[in-house]
N, C-alpha and C. Protein backbone atom coordinates (compact mmCIF):
# COMPACT_ATOMS: atom_id res chain seq x y z
N UNK A 1 9.19 -1.69 -24.38
CA UNK A 1 8.20 -1.75 -25.80
C UNK A 1 6.58 -1.04 -25.29
N UNK A 2 7.01 -0.97 -26.81
CA UNK A 2 5.77 -0.14 -27.27
C UNK A 2 4.78 0.20 -26.13
N UNK A 3 3.59 0.91 -25.76
CA UNK A 3 2.60 0.23 -25.53
C UNK A 3 1.36 -0.15 -26.22
N UNK A 4 -0.08 -1.00 -25.54
CA UNK A 4 -0.72 -1.63 -25.95
C UNK A 4 -1.58 -0.53 -26.52
N UNK A 5 -2.03 0.65 -27.17
CA UNK A 5 -3.12 1.66 -27.12
C UNK A 5 -4.22 1.24 -26.75
N UNK A 6 -4.69 0.15 -27.50
CA UNK A 6 -5.80 0.01 -27.72
C UNK A 6 -6.71 -0.86 -25.82
N UNK A 7 -5.49 -1.36 -25.46
CA UNK A 7 -6.06 -1.52 -24.75
C UNK A 7 -5.67 -0.89 -23.56
N UNK A 8 -4.77 -0.01 -23.78
CA UNK A 8 -4.61 1.51 -22.38
C UNK A 8 -5.78 2.08 -22.50
N UNK A 9 -6.82 2.20 -24.03
CA UNK A 9 -7.64 2.79 -23.83
C UNK A 9 -8.57 2.29 -22.50
N UNK A 10 -9.23 1.32 -22.90
CA UNK A 10 -10.07 0.47 -22.33
C UNK A 10 -10.22 1.64 -20.82
N UNK A 11 -12.13 1.77 -20.34
CA UNK A 11 -12.37 2.20 -19.32
C UNK A 11 -11.50 1.15 -18.45
N UNK A 12 -11.23 1.65 -17.07
CA UNK A 12 -10.54 0.76 -16.16
C UNK A 12 -12.22 0.33 -15.72
N UNK A 13 -11.93 -0.81 -15.12
CA UNK A 13 -13.01 -1.58 -14.52
C UNK A 13 -13.10 -0.84 -12.68
N UNK A 14 -14.23 -1.23 -12.16
CA UNK A 14 -15.09 -1.34 -11.22
C UNK A 14 -13.62 -1.47 -10.47
N UNK A 15 -13.25 -0.05 -9.24
CA UNK A 15 -12.23 -0.89 -8.54
C UNK A 15 -10.91 -0.88 -8.72
N UNK A 16 -10.50 -0.27 -10.04
CA UNK A 16 -10.16 -0.15 -11.27
C UNK A 16 -9.44 1.44 -10.97
N UNK A 17 -7.39 1.77 -10.97
CA UNK A 17 -7.32 2.99 -11.51
C UNK A 17 -5.63 2.57 -11.94
N UNK A 18 -5.95 3.96 -13.23
CA UNK A 18 -4.49 3.85 -13.33
C UNK A 18 -3.88 5.13 -12.81
N UNK A 19 -2.18 4.64 -12.36
CA UNK A 19 -0.70 6.11 -12.41
C UNK A 19 -0.11 5.98 -13.47
N UNK A 20 0.23 7.22 -13.80
CA UNK A 20 1.38 7.69 -14.88
C UNK A 20 2.54 7.38 -14.18
N UNK A 21 3.18 7.67 -14.41
CA UNK A 21 4.73 8.07 -13.96
C UNK A 21 5.26 8.77 -15.49
N UNK A 22 6.25 9.49 -14.93
CA UNK A 22 6.94 10.55 -15.67
C UNK A 22 8.42 9.48 -16.91
N UNK A 23 8.54 10.92 -17.37
CA UNK A 23 9.19 9.69 -18.38
C UNK A 23 10.33 9.49 -17.54
N UNK A 24 10.86 10.41 -16.68
CA UNK A 24 11.92 10.35 -16.00
C UNK A 24 12.19 9.54 -15.41
N UNK A 25 10.93 8.86 -14.37
CA UNK A 25 10.78 7.82 -13.77
C UNK A 25 11.86 6.51 -13.88
N UNK A 26 12.64 6.36 -12.45
CA UNK A 26 13.05 5.39 -13.62
C UNK A 26 13.20 4.01 -12.34
N UNK A 27 13.08 4.52 -11.00
CA UNK A 27 12.62 3.62 -9.60
C UNK A 27 11.79 4.58 -9.47
N UNK A 28 10.44 3.54 -9.23
CA UNK A 28 9.23 3.57 -8.91
C UNK A 28 9.04 3.46 -7.50
N UNK A 29 9.12 2.46 -7.25
CA UNK A 29 9.43 2.18 -5.46
C UNK A 29 7.93 1.59 -5.23
N UNK A 30 8.09 0.14 -5.84
CA UNK A 30 7.52 -0.44 -5.56
C UNK A 30 7.53 -2.03 -5.10
N UNK A 31 7.37 -2.34 -4.01
CA UNK A 31 8.25 -4.21 -3.46
C UNK A 31 6.16 -5.03 -3.81
N UNK A 32 7.06 -5.92 -5.06
CA UNK A 32 5.34 -6.60 -5.04
C UNK A 32 5.77 -7.95 -4.86
N UNK A 33 5.24 -9.11 -4.15
CA UNK A 33 4.70 -9.96 -4.07
C UNK A 33 3.83 -11.02 -5.34
N UNK A 34 3.59 -12.35 -5.40
CA UNK A 34 2.77 -12.86 -5.43
C UNK A 34 1.99 -13.87 -4.43
N UNK A 35 0.61 -13.39 -4.17
CA UNK A 35 -0.32 -13.92 -3.31
C UNK A 35 -1.33 -14.42 -3.44
N UNK A 36 -1.37 -15.55 -3.36
CA UNK A 36 -1.99 -16.30 -4.36
C UNK A 36 -1.94 -16.09 -5.84
N UNK A 37 -2.50 -15.38 -6.40
CA UNK A 37 -2.64 -15.28 -7.80
C UNK A 37 -2.62 -13.69 -7.92
N UNK A 38 -2.92 -12.95 -7.11
CA UNK A 38 -2.72 -12.33 -6.45
C UNK A 38 -0.65 -10.95 -7.32
N UNK A 39 -0.77 -10.30 -7.75
CA UNK A 39 0.67 -9.68 -8.11
C UNK A 39 0.37 -8.36 -7.66
N UNK A 40 0.84 -8.42 -6.52
CA UNK A 40 0.27 -7.34 -4.94
C UNK A 40 1.09 -6.53 -4.49
N UNK A 41 1.00 -4.63 -4.60
CA UNK A 41 2.58 -4.07 -4.10
C UNK A 41 2.43 -4.28 -2.91
N UNK A 42 3.19 -4.58 -1.78
CA UNK A 42 2.94 -5.04 -0.24
C UNK A 42 4.20 -3.98 0.17
N UNK A 43 5.05 -3.43 -0.30
CA UNK A 43 5.63 -1.94 0.66
C UNK A 43 6.20 -1.25 -0.86
N UNK A 44 6.11 0.21 0.11
CA UNK A 44 6.98 1.30 -0.46
C UNK A 44 7.86 1.46 0.04
N UNK A 45 9.21 1.26 -0.76
CA UNK A 45 10.95 1.61 -0.23
C UNK A 45 11.35 3.15 0.04
N UNK A 46 11.92 3.21 0.47
CA UNK A 46 12.29 4.71 0.69
C UNK A 46 13.94 5.30 0.50
N UNK A 47 13.66 6.15 0.03
CA UNK A 47 15.66 6.84 -0.35
C UNK A 47 16.46 6.28 0.54
N UNK A 48 17.37 6.74 0.49
CA UNK A 48 18.46 6.42 1.83
C UNK A 48 18.18 7.78 2.46
N UNK A 49 17.88 8.76 2.67
CA UNK A 49 17.36 9.85 3.20
C UNK A 49 15.99 9.85 3.00
N UNK A 50 15.11 8.94 3.15
CA UNK A 50 13.81 8.80 3.67
C UNK A 50 12.89 8.62 2.98
N UNK A 51 13.17 9.79 1.52
CA UNK A 51 12.12 10.62 0.58
C UNK A 51 11.55 9.15 -0.07
N UNK A 52 10.20 9.30 0.07
CA UNK A 52 9.38 8.96 -0.87
C UNK A 52 9.17 8.32 -2.25
N UNK A 53 9.25 7.10 -3.76
CA UNK A 53 9.37 7.25 -4.50
C UNK A 53 8.33 7.42 -5.64
N UNK A 54 8.47 7.49 -6.47
CA UNK A 54 7.25 7.74 -7.18
C UNK A 54 6.13 6.82 -6.51
N UNK A 55 6.68 5.52 -6.80
CA UNK A 55 4.60 4.85 -6.10
C UNK A 55 3.61 5.68 -4.85
N UNK A 56 4.46 5.90 -4.06
CA UNK A 56 4.78 6.35 -2.44
C UNK A 56 4.02 8.00 -3.08
N UNK A 57 4.08 8.31 -3.76
CA UNK A 57 4.44 9.84 -3.49
C UNK A 57 3.16 9.67 -4.76
N UNK A 58 2.73 9.19 -5.25
CA UNK A 58 1.36 9.22 -6.24
C UNK A 58 0.58 9.78 -5.15
N UNK A 59 0.33 8.57 -3.93
CA UNK A 59 -0.35 9.08 -3.01
C UNK A 59 -2.56 8.19 -3.39
N UNK A 60 -2.66 7.56 -4.42
CA UNK A 60 -3.27 6.78 -4.97
C UNK A 60 -3.13 4.67 -4.78
N UNK A 61 -1.63 5.04 -4.81
CA UNK A 61 -1.63 2.89 -4.57
C UNK A 61 -1.52 3.15 -3.15
N UNK A 62 -2.22 1.71 -2.96
CA UNK A 62 -2.67 1.43 -1.40
C UNK A 62 -1.64 -0.09 -1.15
N UNK A 63 -1.28 0.21 -0.06
CA UNK A 63 -0.64 -1.81 0.11
C UNK A 63 -1.59 -2.18 -0.48
N UNK A 64 -0.83 -3.74 -0.94
CA UNK A 64 -1.92 -4.92 -1.39
C UNK A 64 -2.89 -4.30 -2.32
N UNK A 65 -2.48 -3.76 -2.61
CA UNK A 65 -3.58 -3.77 -4.04
C UNK A 65 -2.56 -4.30 -5.01
N UNK A 66 -3.68 -4.50 -6.43
CA UNK A 66 -2.95 -5.62 -7.82
C UNK A 66 -2.62 -4.38 -8.87
N UNK A 67 -1.52 -5.16 -9.31
CA UNK A 67 -1.26 -4.67 -10.35
C UNK A 67 -1.53 -5.62 -11.61
N UNK A 68 -2.48 -4.88 -12.40
CA UNK A 68 -3.09 -5.96 -13.32
C UNK A 68 -2.46 -5.30 -15.09
N UNK A 69 -2.11 -3.90 -15.03
CA UNK A 69 -1.37 -4.35 -16.59
C UNK A 69 -0.04 -2.40 -16.79
N UNK A 70 0.62 -3.20 -17.34
CA UNK A 70 1.30 -1.98 -17.05
C UNK A 70 1.58 -1.97 -18.98
N UNK A 71 0.81 -0.46 -19.19
CA UNK A 71 0.99 0.29 -21.02
C UNK A 71 0.04 -0.69 -21.58
N UNK A 72 -0.94 -0.77 -20.72
CA UNK A 72 -1.30 -2.37 -21.39
C UNK A 72 -0.57 -3.51 -21.88
N UNK A 73 0.62 -3.93 -21.45
CA UNK A 73 0.58 -5.58 -21.30
C UNK A 73 0.12 -6.23 -19.82
N UNK A 74 -0.98 -6.87 -20.25
CA UNK A 74 -1.66 -7.37 -18.47
C UNK A 74 -0.28 -8.19 -18.07
N UNK A 75 -0.27 -7.99 -16.54
CA UNK A 75 1.04 -9.05 -16.01
C UNK A 75 1.40 -9.56 -14.93
N UNK A 76 -0.91 -9.57 -14.73
CA UNK A 76 -1.31 -10.74 -13.32
C UNK A 76 -1.29 -12.10 -13.25
N UNK A 77 -0.23 -12.20 -14.37
CA UNK A 77 -0.39 -13.98 -14.79
C UNK A 77 1.56 -14.03 -14.13
N UNK A 78 1.98 -13.11 -14.45
CA UNK A 78 3.49 -13.65 -14.70
C UNK A 78 3.75 -13.29 -13.07
N UNK A 79 4.87 -14.09 -13.39
CA UNK A 79 6.06 -14.06 -11.85
C UNK A 79 6.56 -12.66 -11.29
N UNK A 80 6.61 -12.90 -10.39
CA UNK A 80 7.04 -11.11 -10.01
C UNK A 80 8.35 -11.27 -10.73
N UNK A 81 9.53 -11.66 -10.97
CA UNK A 81 10.45 -11.26 -12.25
C UNK A 81 10.42 -11.33 -12.86
N UNK A 82 9.44 -11.96 -13.73
CA UNK A 82 8.65 -11.57 -15.79
C UNK A 82 8.04 -10.11 -15.61
N UNK A 83 7.53 -9.99 -14.03
CA UNK A 83 6.37 -9.00 -14.26
C UNK A 83 7.53 -7.52 -14.16
N UNK A 84 8.24 -7.53 -13.16
CA UNK A 84 9.11 -6.72 -13.05
C UNK A 84 9.75 -6.62 -14.37
N UNK A 85 10.06 -7.56 -15.45
CA UNK A 85 11.14 -7.09 -16.37
C UNK A 85 10.16 -6.61 -17.17
N UNK A 86 9.19 -6.60 -17.12
CA UNK A 86 7.94 -6.02 -18.05
C UNK A 86 7.71 -4.86 -17.69
N UNK A 87 7.98 -4.56 -16.97
CA UNK A 87 7.57 -2.83 -16.21
C UNK A 87 8.63 -2.38 -16.67
N UNK A 88 10.30 -2.94 -16.47
CA UNK A 88 11.13 -2.60 -17.18
C UNK A 88 11.38 -1.85 -18.47
N UNK A 89 10.63 -2.82 -19.26
CA UNK A 89 11.18 -2.55 -20.47
C UNK A 89 10.22 -2.08 -21.41
N UNK A 90 9.26 -1.13 -20.53
CA UNK A 90 8.06 -0.49 -21.10
C UNK A 90 8.08 0.87 -21.23
N UNK A 91 8.10 2.17 -22.36
CA UNK A 91 8.40 2.81 -22.57
C UNK A 91 7.95 4.02 -21.42
N UNK A 92 8.29 4.57 -21.09
CA UNK A 92 8.34 6.08 -20.31
C UNK A 92 7.62 7.46 -21.00
N UNK A 93 6.17 7.98 -20.89
CA UNK A 93 5.28 7.98 -19.16
C UNK A 93 5.31 6.62 -19.73
N UNK A 94 4.60 5.91 -17.93
CA UNK A 94 4.19 4.48 -17.81
C UNK A 94 2.94 4.82 -16.99
N UNK A 95 2.03 3.68 -17.42
CA UNK A 95 0.82 3.47 -17.43
C UNK A 95 0.43 2.50 -16.81
N UNK A 96 0.42 2.27 -15.48
CA UNK A 96 -0.10 1.21 -14.76
C UNK A 96 -1.43 1.27 -13.74
N UNK A 97 -2.31 -0.31 -13.61
CA UNK A 97 -3.11 0.16 -13.50
C UNK A 97 -3.39 -0.87 -12.69
N UNK A 98 -3.81 -0.70 -11.47
CA UNK A 98 -4.44 -1.37 -10.28
C UNK A 98 -5.82 -1.02 -9.80
N UNK A 99 -5.67 -2.45 -9.40
CA UNK A 99 -6.83 -3.10 -8.64
C UNK A 99 -6.63 -2.24 -7.07
N UNK A 100 -8.05 -1.65 -6.40
CA UNK A 100 -7.44 -2.14 -5.28
C UNK A 100 -7.96 -3.52 -4.45
N UNK A 101 -7.41 -3.65 -3.46
CA UNK A 101 -7.16 -4.71 -2.56
C UNK A 101 -8.57 -5.11 -1.85
N UNK A 102 -9.13 -6.14 -2.64
CA UNK A 102 -10.21 -6.58 -1.80
C UNK A 102 -9.86 -7.31 -0.41
N UNK A 103 -8.65 -7.68 0.15
CA UNK A 103 -8.39 -8.57 1.24
C UNK A 103 -8.38 -7.21 2.02
N UNK A 104 -7.51 -5.88 1.49
CA UNK A 104 -7.99 -4.82 3.17
C UNK A 104 -9.21 -4.73 2.71
N UNK A 105 -10.41 -4.92 1.89
CA UNK A 105 -12.34 -3.63 2.07
C UNK A 105 -12.35 -4.80 2.82
N UNK A 106 -12.24 -5.96 2.52
CA UNK A 106 -12.31 -7.40 3.12
C UNK A 106 -12.17 -7.75 4.92
N UNK A 107 -11.09 -6.77 5.40
CA UNK A 107 -11.36 -6.55 7.05
C UNK A 107 -11.21 -5.26 7.56
N UNK A 108 -11.50 -4.17 6.30
CA UNK A 108 -11.83 -2.98 6.71
C UNK A 108 -13.87 -3.62 7.44
N UNK A 109 -14.37 -3.69 6.59
CA UNK A 109 -15.28 -4.44 6.86
C UNK A 109 -15.92 -5.05 8.05
N UNK A 110 -14.96 -6.11 7.97
CA UNK A 110 -15.01 -6.57 9.13
C UNK A 110 -15.28 -6.04 10.45
N UNK A 111 -14.35 -4.49 10.71
CA UNK A 111 -14.68 -3.52 11.79
C UNK A 111 -12.98 -3.22 11.53
N UNK A 112 -11.82 -3.60 11.24
CA UNK A 112 -10.76 -3.52 11.47
C UNK A 112 -10.42 -2.23 11.05
N UNK A 113 -9.69 -1.28 11.61
CA UNK A 113 -8.78 -0.01 10.57
C UNK A 113 -7.96 -0.54 9.75
N UNK A 114 -7.01 0.39 9.59
CA UNK A 114 -6.85 0.51 7.75
C UNK A 114 -6.21 0.00 8.96
N UNK A 115 -5.28 -0.03 9.78
CA UNK A 115 -3.47 -0.12 10.08
C UNK A 115 -3.38 -1.65 10.73
N UNK A 116 -4.54 -2.21 11.55
CA UNK A 116 -4.99 -3.68 11.82
C UNK A 116 -4.94 -4.32 10.16
N UNK A 117 -5.46 -3.97 9.99
CA UNK A 117 -6.15 -4.58 8.31
C UNK A 117 -4.37 -4.75 7.58
N UNK A 118 -4.07 -3.46 7.40
CA UNK A 118 -2.47 -4.13 7.05
C UNK A 118 -1.46 -5.11 7.91
N UNK A 119 -1.22 -4.35 8.84
CA UNK A 119 -0.19 -5.10 9.90
C UNK A 119 -0.76 -7.06 10.00
N UNK A 120 -1.66 -7.20 10.18
CA UNK A 120 -2.48 -8.33 10.18
C UNK A 120 -2.20 -8.97 8.44
N UNK A 121 -1.94 -8.19 7.72
CA UNK A 121 -2.10 -9.17 6.10
C UNK A 121 0.12 -8.57 5.71
N UNK A 122 0.82 -8.13 6.41
CA UNK A 122 1.32 -8.13 6.65
C UNK A 122 1.99 -9.72 7.00
N UNK A 123 1.76 -9.12 8.18
CA UNK A 123 2.05 -11.23 9.14
C UNK A 123 1.67 -11.43 8.67
N UNK A 124 1.04 -11.99 8.31
CA UNK A 124 0.30 -13.31 7.36
C UNK A 124 0.34 -13.50 5.87
N UNK A 125 1.12 -12.58 5.49
CA UNK A 125 1.18 -12.81 4.24
C UNK A 125 0.47 -12.44 3.17
N UNK A 126 -0.31 -11.97 3.52
CA UNK A 126 -1.67 -11.84 2.58
C UNK A 126 -3.41 -12.30 2.74
N UNK A 127 -2.43 -13.72 3.74
CA UNK A 127 -4.11 -14.52 4.12
C UNK A 127 -5.16 -13.69 5.04
N UNK A 128 -6.92 -13.28 4.15
CA UNK A 128 -7.06 -12.61 4.57
C UNK A 128 -7.60 -13.45 6.33
N UNK A 129 -8.09 -14.46 6.37
CA UNK A 129 -8.20 -15.97 7.46
C UNK A 129 -7.04 -14.97 8.48
N UNK A 130 -5.77 -15.81 7.96
CA UNK A 130 -4.90 -15.72 9.10
C UNK A 130 -4.68 -13.82 9.36
N UNK A 131 -4.96 -13.06 8.40
CA UNK A 131 -4.91 -11.75 9.17
C UNK A 131 -5.72 -11.39 10.39
N UNK A 132 -7.28 -12.11 9.91
CA UNK A 132 -7.84 -11.05 10.89
C UNK A 132 -8.42 -12.57 12.13
N UNK A 133 -7.39 -13.49 12.28
CA UNK A 133 -7.19 -13.91 13.12
C UNK A 133 -5.76 -13.00 14.06
N UNK A 134 -4.87 -12.46 13.22
CA UNK A 134 -3.77 -11.98 14.08
C UNK A 134 -4.45 -10.43 14.26
N UNK A 135 -5.46 -9.68 14.17
CA UNK A 135 -6.30 -9.05 14.31
C UNK A 135 -6.86 -8.71 15.61
N UNK A 136 -7.87 -9.94 15.46
CA UNK A 136 -8.71 -10.33 16.75
C UNK A 136 -7.79 -9.88 17.52
N UNK A 137 -6.60 -11.32 18.23
CA UNK A 137 -5.79 -11.73 18.96
C UNK A 137 -4.85 -10.17 19.26
N UNK A 138 -4.28 -9.09 18.64
CA UNK A 138 -3.11 -8.88 18.47
C UNK A 138 -4.63 -7.29 19.39
N UNK A 139 -5.65 -7.66 19.22
CA UNK A 139 -6.34 -6.55 20.38
C UNK A 139 -6.75 -6.62 21.44
N UNK A 140 -6.25 -7.78 22.04
CA UNK A 140 -6.72 -7.93 23.46
C UNK A 140 -5.59 -8.16 23.80
């Protein structure tokens, strides 16, 4: 699909950022899950030799960050399967806009470390309340 340049050129909103993947990027290395109404990055798979793929290697995408759009095409309202098909159909280079995770930030604001926050969110399947409970109980 051709990029929607007019939307791509709009400045990112607060806490949003763009990551551009090169022309030869076939496997981005993102596991996505729908958590509530958000399309979230929940893991970074690696090659069989343990090497990082494009998304993790970018160094800017965080776990539980939200996918906003790809090449100007909004993705948040789609199912995971549909969003992945939309991403695969996009022309390269590919620019994906992400939003920093409010889930992670909320747990950091509660005083948990990033590792505790991510562990809690994984255990709680993205639920902030359950993740906080997990963090509290695993500290003792």
